[in-house]
């Protein structure tokens, strides 16, 4: 045994009669604990018989696709004596003992294809051994004899036998700490438990990665996704007093319900489209006709296109109006989805362009979500690939799960990356003020001569921002003659002759 941990073995085999071929195996691995095994590397394998140099044929033994042993086959047909000497050097035989002492743990006899009557040997080490142990046979019974550090045997010696083909004689010699370099090499069998090992190193690394990654995501959002600092609220609409106890609703800067919804949640969704359709009707571009239907049948409505050159349409409103109903075509609410769906992409495009033109966003919210979404899904794919490699080849599967969690966090954050400008944040603050007013402002203070008109103007904004129920109730409560049908009292909504507001 050398100080560097390499172990050179010299075996002299004495036969009753030398066979034409000597064959044995040298194990390349030995299982230990936690799905791991020791690995052994061989070199300088040679054989001789007296002065006759033999040429051993060395190959790897394959078991289920795993290289588990080194096969050694020696042609001894020309040997005239009764002895064959085999030499080899192995690395990996010196392992750490229970107290950290270097321990030579090696099967001196192993893989023989012939029975052995007696085995005896001596271990020449770089210093005196602390202890020796020897086990043999298929059941690891104690060897016949072994000793070390005695008056008659300073170096460890051992003997055993007889042994059947394939049985081992394994010695364990412990040396003082630092006397011999450890040469142990570990390999690992794949198991799910090992892939997701839960020890202090994997748990700490995973938690640290999650903490650092979460902090990174937070900083990323603060840098690229958080709204600009609010300057001061900018009013969007207001109730203007016109007489004592009377007021009217006025929208500022031609801000439409579609604009409001897009600014509020950074996307164009169905409620924005609904509010826009209602706004178009109230502004005189459409009229809704409730159709007379049999009792218990589903209600339906018809759209009527109206000419109103006095009110300018925004591009997104033009596209939506064209999609709702083509000239000369009867259009109903029941078929609205099939008419609007093909054009909804263009409506969204125009709305996103307008919120950028109004300088509420630096870039289109959908483009921002798309960029960060692609990045997030790309990072997720990479995290899954890295996790697969970690699970297949290491014990760090928990770290891979942390990577996937962080990648999913980036995908989640991508939906929240559109960033409002200072102006956009100020207008949003004004929207919050308006939303509160829609829930709290008295609904009975509109001028009596145009109550329906003024209440109707509020309705599209209440649909988008909330509070529509109380404003619908206000329209119904404005009916001074509840016993008389009101089929055409609302200029933007006509109904059958027996229809009542209340």
Protein backbone atom coordinates (compact mmCIF):
# COMPACT_ATOMS: atom_id res chain seq x y z
CA UNK A 1 0.00 0.00 0.00
CA UNK A 2 1.51 3.36 -1.10
CA UNK A 3 1.09 6.66 0.71
CA UNK A 4 -0.89 8.05 -2.23
CA UNK A 5 -3.60 5.43 -1.68
CA UNK A 6 -2.75 3.20 -4.64
CA UNK A 7 -2.69 -0.49 -3.81
CA UNK A 8 -0.45 -2.85 -5.74
CA UNK A 9 -1.44 -6.51 -5.44
CA UNK A 10 0.86 -9.44 -6.20
CA UNK A 11 -0.78 -12.85 -6.22
CA UNK A 12 1.15 -16.08 -6.53
CA UNK A 13 -1.19 -18.93 -7.39
CA UNK A 14 0.09 -22.48 -6.89
CA UNK A 15 -1.88 -25.12 -8.79
CA UNK A 16 -1.96 -28.89 -8.41
CA UNK A 17 -1.84 -28.73 -12.18
CA UNK A 18 -1.83 -25.49 -14.14
CA UNK A 19 -4.88 -25.36 -16.46
CA UNK A 20 -4.62 -24.14 -20.03
CA UNK A 21 -6.43 -20.96 -19.03
CA UNK A 22 -6.75 -18.97 -15.82
CA UNK A 23 -9.76 -16.70 -15.56
CA UNK A 24 -10.99 -14.38 -12.82
CA UNK A 25 -12.91 -11.13 -12.33
CA UNK A 26 -11.96 -7.93 -10.54
CA UNK A 27 -14.96 -5.96 -9.27
CA UNK A 28 -15.25 -2.40 -10.57
CA UNK A 29 -17.78 -1.38 -7.92
CA UNK A 30 -19.01 -2.35 -4.48
CA UNK A 31 -22.37 -1.21 -3.17
CA UNK A 32 -22.51 0.86 -0.01
CA UNK A 33 -25.32 3.01 1.45
CA UNK A 34 -27.82 5.58 0.11
CA UNK A 35 -27.86 4.12 -3.42
CA UNK A 36 -24.12 4.72 -3.77
CA UNK A 37 -21.16 2.47 -4.51
CA UNK A 38 -17.39 2.54 -4.43
CA UNK A 39 -15.67 2.62 -7.81
CA UNK A 40 -12.35 0.92 -8.52
CA UNK A 41 -9.87 1.67 -11.29
CA UNK A 42 -7.29 -0.91 -12.36
CA UNK A 43 -3.95 -0.50 -14.07
CA UNK A 44 -0.73 -2.43 -14.76
CA UNK A 45 -2.45 -5.81 -14.97
CA UNK A 46 0.21 -8.39 -15.81
CA UNK A 47 0.96 -12.09 -15.38
CA UNK A 48 4.02 -14.33 -15.48
CA UNK A 49 5.19 -17.85 -14.77
CA UNK A 50 8.83 -17.82 -13.77
CA UNK A 51 10.66 -16.06 -16.58
CA UNK A 52 7.73 -16.59 -18.96
CA UNK A 53 5.77 -13.38 -19.46
CA UNK A 54 2.10 -14.08 -20.03
CA UNK A 55 -0.28 -11.77 -21.89
CA UNK A 56 -3.53 -11.38 -19.93
CA UNK A 57 -6.59 -10.47 -21.98
CA UNK A 58 -8.54 -7.79 -20.14
CA UNK A 59 -12.15 -6.91 -20.94
CA UNK A 60 -15.10 -5.32 -19.19
CA UNK A 61 -17.91 -7.51 -17.92
CA UNK A 62 -21.32 -6.09 -18.85
CA UNK A 63 -24.40 -6.69 -16.70
CA UNK A 64 -27.64 -5.09 -17.87
CA UNK A 65 -25.75 -2.37 -19.69
CA UNK A 66 -23.55 -1.58 -16.65
CA UNK A 67 -19.81 -2.20 -16.56
CA UNK A 68 -19.48 -4.07 -13.27
CA UNK A 69 -16.19 -5.99 -13.46
CA UNK A 70 -12.91 -6.40 -15.25
CA UNK A 71 -12.52 -9.87 -16.80
CA UNK A 72 -8.97 -11.18 -16.84
CA UNK A 73 -8.18 -14.22 -18.99
CA UNK A 74 -4.62 -15.61 -19.02
CA UNK A 75 -3.42 -18.20 -21.53
CA UNK A 76 -1.34 -20.59 -19.41
CA UNK A 77 -1.09 -23.42 -21.92
CA UNK A 78 2.70 -22.92 -22.20
CA UNK A 79 3.37 -22.82 -18.45
CA UNK A 80 5.60 -25.73 -17.36
CA UNK A 81 5.69 -25.16 -13.60
CA UNK A 82 2.90 -25.07 -11.03
CA UNK A 83 2.90 -21.33 -10.25
CA UNK A 84 1.32 -18.31 -11.95
CA UNK A 85 1.92 -14.78 -10.67
CA UNK A 86 -0.60 -12.00 -11.24
CA UNK A 87 0.07 -8.31 -10.59
CA UNK A 88 -2.29 -5.35 -10.71
CA UNK A 89 -2.70 -1.92 -9.16
CA UNK A 90 -6.06 -0.63 -7.96
CA UNK A 91 -7.17 2.87 -6.95
CA UNK A 92 -10.24 3.38 -4.80
CA UNK A 93 -9.48 0.73 -2.17
CA UNK A 94 -8.59 3.20 0.62
CA UNK A 95 -11.79 4.57 2.13
CA UNK A 96 -12.61 6.77 5.12
CA UNK A 97 -13.28 4.71 8.24
CA UNK A 98 -15.82 5.54 10.96
CA UNK A 99 -13.42 7.96 12.69
CA UNK A 100 -11.99 9.32 9.46
CA UNK A 101 -9.01 6.95 9.52
CA UNK A 102 -7.82 5.73 6.11
CA UNK A 103 -8.90 2.11 5.78
CA UNK A 104 -7.70 -0.35 3.16
CA UNK A 105 -10.86 -2.31 2.33
CA UNK A 106 -10.19 -4.85 -0.38
CA UNK A 107 -11.16 -8.34 -1.49
CA UNK A 108 -7.75 -9.95 -1.92
CA UNK A 109 -9.43 -13.06 -3.25
CA UNK A 110 -12.32 -12.40 -5.62
CA UNK A 111 -13.92 -13.65 -8.81
CA UNK A 112 -11.88 -16.85 -9.14
CA UNK A 113 -13.41 -19.52 -11.37
CA UNK A 114 -11.65 -22.34 -9.52
CA UNK A 115 -11.66 -23.50 -5.88
CA UNK A 116 -8.89 -22.32 -3.59
CA UNK A 117 -7.53 -24.55 -0.82
CA UNK A 118 -5.68 -21.86 1.12
CA UNK A 119 -5.19 -18.10 0.99
CA UNK A 120 -2.50 -16.28 2.94
CA UNK A 121 -0.86 -12.91 2.58
CA UNK A 122 0.78 -9.88 4.08
CA UNK A 123 0.00 -6.16 3.70
CA UNK A 124 3.04 -3.93 3.38
CA UNK A 125 1.91 -0.43 4.36
CA UNK A 126 3.71 2.90 4.77
CA UNK A 127 3.37 2.74 8.57
CA UNK A 128 2.07 0.54 11.35
CA UNK A 129 -1.58 -0.41 11.14
CA UNK A 130 -4.05 0.57 13.86
CA UNK A 131 -6.26 -2.49 13.36
CA UNK A 132 -7.09 -5.31 10.95
CA UNK A 133 -10.21 -7.28 10.17
CA UNK A 134 -10.77 -10.08 7.69
CA UNK A 135 -13.99 -11.69 6.47
CA UNK A 136 -14.50 -14.43 3.93
CA UNK A 137 -17.04 -16.52 2.09
CA UNK A 138 -20.46 -15.62 0.79
CA UNK A 139 -21.72 -14.69 4.31
CA UNK A 140 -18.77 -12.50 5.40
CA UNK A 141 -17.65 -14.84 8.17
CA UNK A 142 -14.39 -14.19 9.95
CA UNK A 143 -11.24 -15.42 8.24
CA UNK A 144 -9.27 -18.31 9.66
CA UNK A 145 -6.64 -16.00 11.15
CA UNK A 146 -5.44 -12.42 10.91
CA UNK A 147 -3.25 -10.14 12.98
CA UNK A 148 -1.17 -6.97 12.89
CA UNK A 149 1.38 -5.15 15.06
CA UNK A 150 2.45 -8.23 16.98
CA UNK A 151 5.97 -9.26 17.88
CA UNK A 152 5.93 -11.95 15.23
CA UNK A 153 4.11 -9.87 12.59
CA UNK A 154 4.51 -6.11 12.53
CA UNK A 155 2.73 -5.90 9.14
CA UNK A 156 -0.86 -7.18 8.88
CA UNK A 157 -1.10 -10.85 7.90
CA UNK A 158 -4.09 -13.04 7.14
CA UNK A 159 -4.93 -16.59 6.12
CA UNK A 160 -8.09 -18.47 5.24
CA UNK A 161 -9.42 -21.40 3.29
CA UNK A 162 -10.65 -23.44 1.66
CA UNK A 163 -12.85 -21.29 -0.60
CA UNK A 164 -15.24 -22.28 -3.37
CA UNK A 165 -15.22 -20.64 -6.82
CA UNK A 166 -16.47 -17.06 -6.63
CA UNK A 167 -16.05 -16.68 -2.86
CA UNK A 168 -14.12 -13.73 -1.45
CA UNK A 169 -11.50 -13.04 1.17
CA UNK A 170 -11.74 -9.40 2.18
CA UNK A 171 -9.35 -7.53 4.43
CA UNK A 172 -9.82 -4.22 6.25
CA UNK A 173 -6.68 -2.54 7.54
CA UNK A 174 -6.95 0.79 9.36
CA UNK A 175 -4.06 3.27 9.51
CA UNK A 176 -3.49 6.49 11.47
CA UNK A 177 -5.10 9.66 10.12
CA UNK A 178 -2.84 11.23 7.49
CA UNK A 179 -0.66 8.16 7.01
CA UNK A 180 -2.33 7.18 3.72
CA UNK A 181 -4.25 9.33 1.24
CA UNK A 182 -7.89 8.42 0.72
CA UNK A 183 -8.48 7.06 -2.79
CA UNK A 184 -12.19 6.30 -2.50
CA UNK A 185 -14.32 7.14 -5.52
CA UNK A 186 -18.10 7.13 -5.35
CA UNK A 187 -20.70 6.34 -7.95
CA UNK A 188 -24.45 6.49 -7.52
CA UNK A 189 -27.42 4.43 -8.64
CA UNK A 190 -30.37 6.42 -9.89
CA UNK A 191 -33.41 6.40 -7.60
CA UNK A 192 -36.14 8.95 -7.10
CA UNK A 193 -35.19 9.28 -3.45
CA UNK A 194 -31.59 10.07 -4.37
CA UNK A 195 -32.60 12.47 -7.16
CA UNK A 196 -34.60 14.45 -4.59
CA UNK A 197 -32.28 14.01 -1.63
CA UNK A 198 -33.35 16.06 1.39
CA UNK A 199 -30.23 16.90 3.36
CA UNK A 200 -29.00 20.20 4.72
CA UNK A 201 -27.09 21.01 1.54
CA UNK A 202 -29.97 20.46 -0.90
CA UNK A 203 -32.58 22.08 1.36
CA UNK A 204 -30.40 25.10 2.14
CA UNK A 205 -29.42 25.56 -1.51
CA UNK A 206 -33.04 25.26 -2.68
CA UNK A 207 -34.33 27.71 -0.09
CA UNK A 208 -31.49 30.14 -0.76
CA UNK A 209 -32.17 29.91 -4.50
CA UNK A 210 -35.88 30.54 -3.93
CA UNK A 211 -35.16 33.51 -1.69
CA UNK A 212 -32.64 35.05 -4.08
CA UNK A 213 -34.83 34.30 -7.09
CA UNK A 214 -37.93 35.80 -5.45
CA UNK A 215 -35.92 38.91 -4.57
CA UNK A 216 -34.70 39.06 -8.15
CA UNK A 217 -38.24 38.79 -9.51
CA UNK A 218 -39.37 41.55 -7.16
CA UNK A 219 -36.53 43.82 -8.25
CA UNK A 220 -37.23 42.96 -11.89
CA UNK A 221 -40.87 43.96 -11.51
CA UNK A 222 -39.97 47.13 -9.62
CA UNK A 223 -37.50 48.09 -12.35
CA UNK A 224 -39.54 47.23 -15.45
CA UNK A 225 -43.15 46.59 -14.39
CA UNK A 226 -44.02 48.90 -11.51
CA UNK A 227 -46.00 52.01 -12.39
CA UNK A 228 -44.24 55.35 -12.38
CA UNK A 229 -44.53 57.40 -9.20
CA UNK A 230 -47.83 59.25 -8.98
CA UNK A 231 -47.63 63.00 -9.58
CA UNK A 232 -51.23 64.02 -8.77
CA UNK A 233 -54.65 62.62 -9.71
CA UNK A 234 -56.05 63.77 -13.04
CA UNK A 235 -59.88 63.86 -13.13
CA UNK A 236 -61.50 61.67 -15.79
CA UNK A 237 -65.10 62.77 -15.34
CA UNK A 238 -67.08 64.84 -12.89
CA UNK A 239 -70.55 65.83 -11.81
CA UNK A 240 -70.98 69.53 -12.57
CA UNK A 241 -73.63 71.51 -10.65
CA UNK A 242 -76.11 73.29 -12.94
CA UNK A 243 -78.78 74.37 -10.46
CA UNK A 244 -79.30 74.04 -6.76
CA UNK A 245 -79.38 70.34 -6.01
CA UNK A 246 -78.93 69.45 -9.68
CA UNK A 247 -75.83 68.31 -11.59
CA UNK A 248 -74.84 66.70 -14.87
CA UNK A 249 -72.19 64.12 -15.71
CA UNK A 250 -69.34 65.30 -17.94
CA UNK A 251 -66.44 63.25 -19.31
CA UNK A 252 -63.12 65.06 -19.68
CA UNK A 253 -60.63 64.77 -22.55
CA UNK A 254 -62.94 62.47 -24.58
CA UNK A 255 -61.99 59.48 -22.44
CA UNK A 256 -64.15 56.54 -23.50
CA UNK A 257 -65.19 53.50 -21.44
CA UNK A 258 -62.82 51.37 -23.55
CA UNK A 259 -59.93 53.65 -22.62
CA UNK A 260 -60.84 53.41 -18.96
CA UNK A 261 -61.02 49.61 -18.90
CA UNK A 262 -57.71 49.25 -20.76
CA UNK A 263 -55.94 51.64 -18.40
CA UNK A 264 -57.46 50.08 -15.29
CA UNK A 265 -56.42 46.45 -15.90
CA UNK A 266 -53.91 46.88 -18.75
CA UNK A 267 -55.94 44.75 -21.16
CA UNK A 268 -58.97 44.88 -23.43
CA UNK A 269 -61.58 42.48 -22.10
CA UNK A 270 -65.31 41.79 -22.71
CA UNK A 271 -66.53 44.34 -20.16
CA UNK A 272 -64.67 47.07 -22.08
CA UNK A 273 -66.42 45.99 -25.29
CA UNK A 274 -69.80 45.93 -23.51
CA UNK A 275 -69.24 49.40 -22.09
CA UNK A 276 -68.19 50.68 -25.52
CA UNK A 277 -71.30 49.27 -27.25
CA UNK A 278 -73.53 50.84 -24.61
CA UNK A 279 -71.65 54.14 -24.94
CA UNK A 280 -72.10 54.10 -28.74
CA UNK A 281 -75.84 53.67 -28.25
CA UNK A 282 -76.10 56.47 -25.69
CA UNK A 283 -74.06 58.80 -27.91
CA UNK A 284 -76.51 58.24 -30.78
CA UNK A 285 -74.69 55.80 -33.09
CA UNK A 286 -76.81 52.77 -32.24
CA UNK A 287 -80.25 52.00 -30.95
CA UNK A 288 -81.17 48.82 -29.17
CA UNK A 289 -84.61 47.37 -29.93
CA UNK A 290 -85.95 44.77 -27.55
CA UNK A 291 -87.76 42.16 -29.66
CA UNK A 292 -91.17 40.91 -28.73
CA UNK A 293 -90.82 37.24 -27.84
CA UNK A 294 -93.23 34.55 -26.64
CA UNK A 295 -93.62 34.15 -22.90
CA UNK A 296 -90.76 32.22 -21.24
CA UNK A 297 -88.64 32.52 -24.41
CA UNK A 298 -85.15 33.99 -24.27
CA UNK A 299 -85.04 37.74 -24.74
CA UNK A 300 -83.28 39.13 -27.79
CA UNK A 301 -82.48 42.59 -29.14
CA UNK A 302 -81.89 44.13 -32.53
CA UNK A 303 -79.26 46.78 -33.31
CA UNK A 304 -80.21 49.76 -35.44
CA UNK A 305 -77.41 51.85 -36.94
CA UNK A 306 -77.97 55.61 -36.62
CA UNK A 307 -76.33 58.57 -38.31
CA UNK A 308 -74.63 61.01 -35.94
CA UNK A 309 -72.14 63.28 -37.66
CA UNK A 310 -71.91 65.55 -34.63
CA UNK A 311 -70.10 62.96 -32.51
CA UNK A 312 -66.64 61.86 -33.62
CA UNK A 313 -65.79 58.19 -33.40
CA UNK A 314 -62.42 56.86 -32.31
CA UNK A 315 -60.78 54.27 -34.65
CA UNK A 316 -61.52 51.39 -32.26
CA UNK A 317 -65.16 52.48 -32.09
CA UNK A 318 -65.42 52.60 -35.88
CA UNK A 319 -64.12 49.04 -36.17
CA UNK A 320 -66.41 47.78 -33.43
CA UNK A 321 -69.44 49.54 -34.92
CA UNK A 322 -68.68 48.08 -38.35
CA UNK A 323 -68.38 44.62 -36.81
CA UNK A 324 -71.64 44.87 -34.88
CA UNK A 325 -73.78 45.48 -37.90
CA UNK A 326 -73.21 45.99 -41.59
CA UNK A 327 -75.52 48.38 -43.42
CA UNK A 328 -78.66 46.64 -44.66
CA UNK A 329 -78.12 43.63 -42.42
CA UNK A 330 -80.35 42.71 -39.49
CA UNK A 331 -78.15 42.34 -36.43
CA UNK A 332 -79.19 40.83 -33.14
CA UNK A 333 -77.54 40.47 -29.75
CA UNK A 334 -77.94 36.70 -30.05
CA UNK A 335 -75.57 36.75 -33.05
CA UNK A 336 -73.29 39.48 -31.70
CA UNK A 337 -70.43 37.15 -30.79
CA UNK A 338 -70.07 35.72 -34.29
CA UNK A 339 -70.05 39.23 -35.77
CA UNK A 340 -67.66 40.81 -33.26
CA UNK A 341 -65.23 37.93 -32.71
CA UNK A 342 -63.43 38.26 -36.09
CA UNK A 343 -62.87 41.97 -35.50
CA UNK A 344 -61.99 41.92 -31.81
CA UNK A 345 -58.27 41.69 -32.57
CA UNK A 346 -58.39 44.91 -34.60
CA UNK A 347 -60.43 46.63 -31.87
CA UNK A 348 -57.85 45.61 -29.29
CA UNK A 349 -55.01 46.82 -31.52
CA UNK A 350 -56.59 50.24 -31.88
CA UNK A 351 -57.27 50.56 -28.16
CA UNK A 352 -53.70 49.57 -27.26
CA UNK A 353 -52.38 52.08 -29.78
CA UNK A 354 -54.56 54.82 -28.31
CA UNK A 355 -53.45 54.32 -24.70
CA UNK A 356 -49.85 54.66 -25.95
CA UNK A 357 -50.75 57.76 -27.99
CA UNK A 358 -52.30 59.25 -24.86
CA UNK A 359 -48.95 58.60 -23.13
CA UNK A 360 -50.52 56.40 -20.47
CA UNK A 361 -48.07 53.61 -21.38
CA UNK A 362 -44.64 53.80 -23.02
CA UNK A 363 -45.31 50.59 -24.97
CA UNK A 364 -48.42 48.63 -25.81
CA UNK A 365 -49.47 46.51 -22.81
CA UNK A 366 -50.00 43.43 -25.00
CA UNK A 367 -46.51 43.78 -26.51
CA UNK A 368 -45.02 44.06 -23.03
CA UNK A 369 -46.88 40.97 -21.83
CA UNK A 370 -45.87 39.09 -24.97
CA UNK A 371 -42.16 39.93 -24.54
CA UNK A 372 -42.00 38.93 -20.90
CA UNK A 373 -44.26 35.94 -21.52
CA UNK A 374 -41.92 34.57 -24.21
CA UNK A 375 -38.99 35.16 -21.89
CA UNK A 376 -40.80 33.43 -19.02
CA UNK A 377 -41.76 30.37 -21.06
CA UNK A 378 -38.23 30.16 -22.44
CA UNK A 379 -36.79 30.27 -18.92
CA UNK A 380 -39.34 27.65 -17.84
CA UNK A 381 -38.29 25.33 -20.68
CA UNK A 382 -34.64 25.79 -19.69
CA UNK A 383 -35.49 25.16 -16.03
CA UNK A 384 -37.33 21.94 -16.93
CA UNK A 385 -34.35 20.79 -19.00
CA UNK A 386 -31.89 21.59 -16.20
CA UNK A 387 -34.16 19.85 -13.68
CA UNK A 388 -34.30 16.74 -15.87
CA UNK A 389 -30.49 16.64 -15.96
CA UNK A 390 -30.25 17.22 -12.21
CA UNK A 391 -32.78 14.46 -11.52
CA UNK A 392 -31.10 11.99 -13.88
CA UNK A 393 -27.50 12.53 -12.83
CA UNK A 394 -27.37 14.17 -9.39
CA UNK A 395 -29.08 14.44 -6.03
CA UNK A 396 -30.05 18.08 -6.63
CA UNK A 397 -33.60 17.55 -7.91
CA UNK A 398 -34.93 19.95 -5.25
CA UNK A 399 -32.81 22.70 -6.74
CA UNK A 400 -34.40 21.95 -10.12
CA UNK A 401 -37.86 22.29 -8.59
CA UNK A 402 -36.81 25.67 -7.20
CA UNK A 403 -35.70 26.72 -10.68
CA UNK A 404 -39.07 25.65 -12.12
CA UNK A 405 -40.91 27.55 -9.36
CA UNK A 406 -38.93 30.70 -10.14
CA UNK A 407 -39.54 30.28 -13.88
CA UNK A 408 -43.27 29.94 -13.20
CA UNK A 409 -42.97 33.08 -11.10
CA UNK A 410 -41.54 34.89 -14.12
CA UNK A 411 -44.41 33.59 -16.30
CA UNK A 412 -46.87 34.85 -13.68
CA UNK A 413 -45.09 38.20 -13.43
CA UNK A 414 -45.12 38.64 -17.22
CA UNK A 415 -48.86 39.38 -17.06
CA UNK A 416 -48.11 42.22 -14.64
CA UNK A 417 -45.22 43.87 -16.48
CA UNK A 418 -47.08 46.59 -18.45
CA UNK A 419 -45.93 49.82 -16.86
CA UNK A 420 -48.03 52.96 -16.65
CA UNK A 421 -46.29 56.30 -17.11
CA UNK A 422 -46.55 59.18 -14.65
CA UNK A 423 -49.46 60.48 -16.72
CA UNK A 424 -51.07 57.04 -16.83
CA UNK A 425 -50.71 56.63 -13.07
CA UNK A 426 -52.24 60.05 -12.51
CA UNK A 427 -55.21 59.23 -14.76
CA UNK A 428 -55.60 55.87 -13.01
CA UNK A 429 -55.79 57.69 -9.70
CA UNK A 430 -58.50 59.85 -11.24
CA UNK A 431 -60.34 56.66 -12.29
CA UNK A 432 -60.28 55.46 -8.70
CA UNK A 433 -61.86 58.74 -7.64
CA UNK A 434 -64.53 58.34 -10.33
CA UNK A 435 -65.17 54.74 -9.31
CA UNK A 436 -65.82 55.85 -5.75
CA UNK A 437 -68.20 58.55 -6.98
CA UNK A 438 -70.16 56.05 -9.08
CA UNK A 439 -70.84 54.06 -5.92
CA UNK A 440 -71.63 57.02 -3.68
CA UNK A 441 -72.83 60.04 -5.68
CA UNK A 442 -76.58 60.69 -5.32
CA UNK A 443 -78.50 59.39 -8.33
CA UNK A 444 -81.52 61.69 -7.92
CA UNK A 445 -79.85 65.02 -8.69
CA UNK A 446 -80.04 65.10 -12.50
CA UNK A 447 -82.02 67.94 -14.16
CA UNK A 448 -85.67 66.94 -14.33
CA UNK A 449 -86.08 67.91 -17.98
CA UNK A 450 -83.35 65.52 -19.14
CA UNK A 451 -83.04 62.98 -16.35
CA UNK A 452 -82.98 59.92 -18.64
CA UNK A 453 -80.31 61.44 -20.86
CA UNK A 454 -77.97 62.42 -18.01
CA UNK A 455 -78.40 59.15 -16.12
CA UNK A 456 -77.76 57.20 -19.33
CA UNK A 457 -74.44 58.99 -19.87
CA UNK A 458 -73.16 57.59 -16.57
CA UNK A 459 -74.17 54.00 -17.34
CA UNK A 460 -71.28 52.91 -19.70
CA UNK A 461 -68.69 54.10 -17.17
CA UNK A 462 -70.52 52.34 -14.34
CA UNK A 463 -70.45 49.12 -16.41
CA UNK A 464 -66.65 49.32 -16.62
CA UNK A 465 -65.83 50.76 -13.18
CA UNK A 466 -68.68 49.32 -11.13
CA UNK A 467 -71.94 50.60 -9.65
CA UNK A 468 -74.16 49.97 -12.70
CA UNK A 469 -76.95 48.47 -10.59
CA UNK A 470 -77.68 51.71 -8.70
CA UNK A 471 -77.66 53.78 -11.91
CA UNK A 472 -80.03 51.35 -13.66
CA UNK A 473 -82.31 51.59 -10.64
CA UNK A 474 -82.08 55.38 -10.87
CA UNK A 475 -83.29 55.25 -14.49
CA UNK A 476 -86.22 53.08 -13.44
CA UNK A 477 -87.01 55.33 -10.46
CA UNK A 478 -87.09 58.37 -12.77
CA UNK A 479 -90.30 57.05 -14.35
CA UNK A 480 -93.01 59.35 -12.97
CA UNK A 481 -95.86 57.27 -14.42
CA UNK A 482 -95.08 53.65 -13.61
CA UNK A 483 -98.52 52.49 -14.74
CA UNK A 484 -97.98 53.75 -18.29
CA UNK A 485 -95.78 51.71 -20.68
CA UNK A 486 -92.46 53.29 -21.64
CA UNK A 487 -91.47 51.66 -24.96
CA UNK A 488 -89.63 54.72 -26.32
CA UNK A 489 -88.87 56.84 -23.26
CA UNK A 490 -85.17 56.07 -23.63
CA UNK A 491 -83.85 57.48 -26.89
CA UNK A 492 -81.23 54.73 -27.14
CA UNK A 493 -83.43 51.78 -26.09
CA UNK A 494 -86.81 50.93 -27.60
CA UNK A 495 -89.01 48.07 -26.50
CA UNK A 496 -92.41 46.47 -27.23
CA UNK A 497 -95.49 48.58 -26.59
CA UNK A 498 -96.24 47.01 -23.21
CA UNK A 499 -92.72 47.48 -21.81
CA UNK A 500 -92.20 49.36 -18.51
CA UNK A 501 -89.05 50.97 -17.17
CA UNK A 502 -89.92 50.20 -13.56
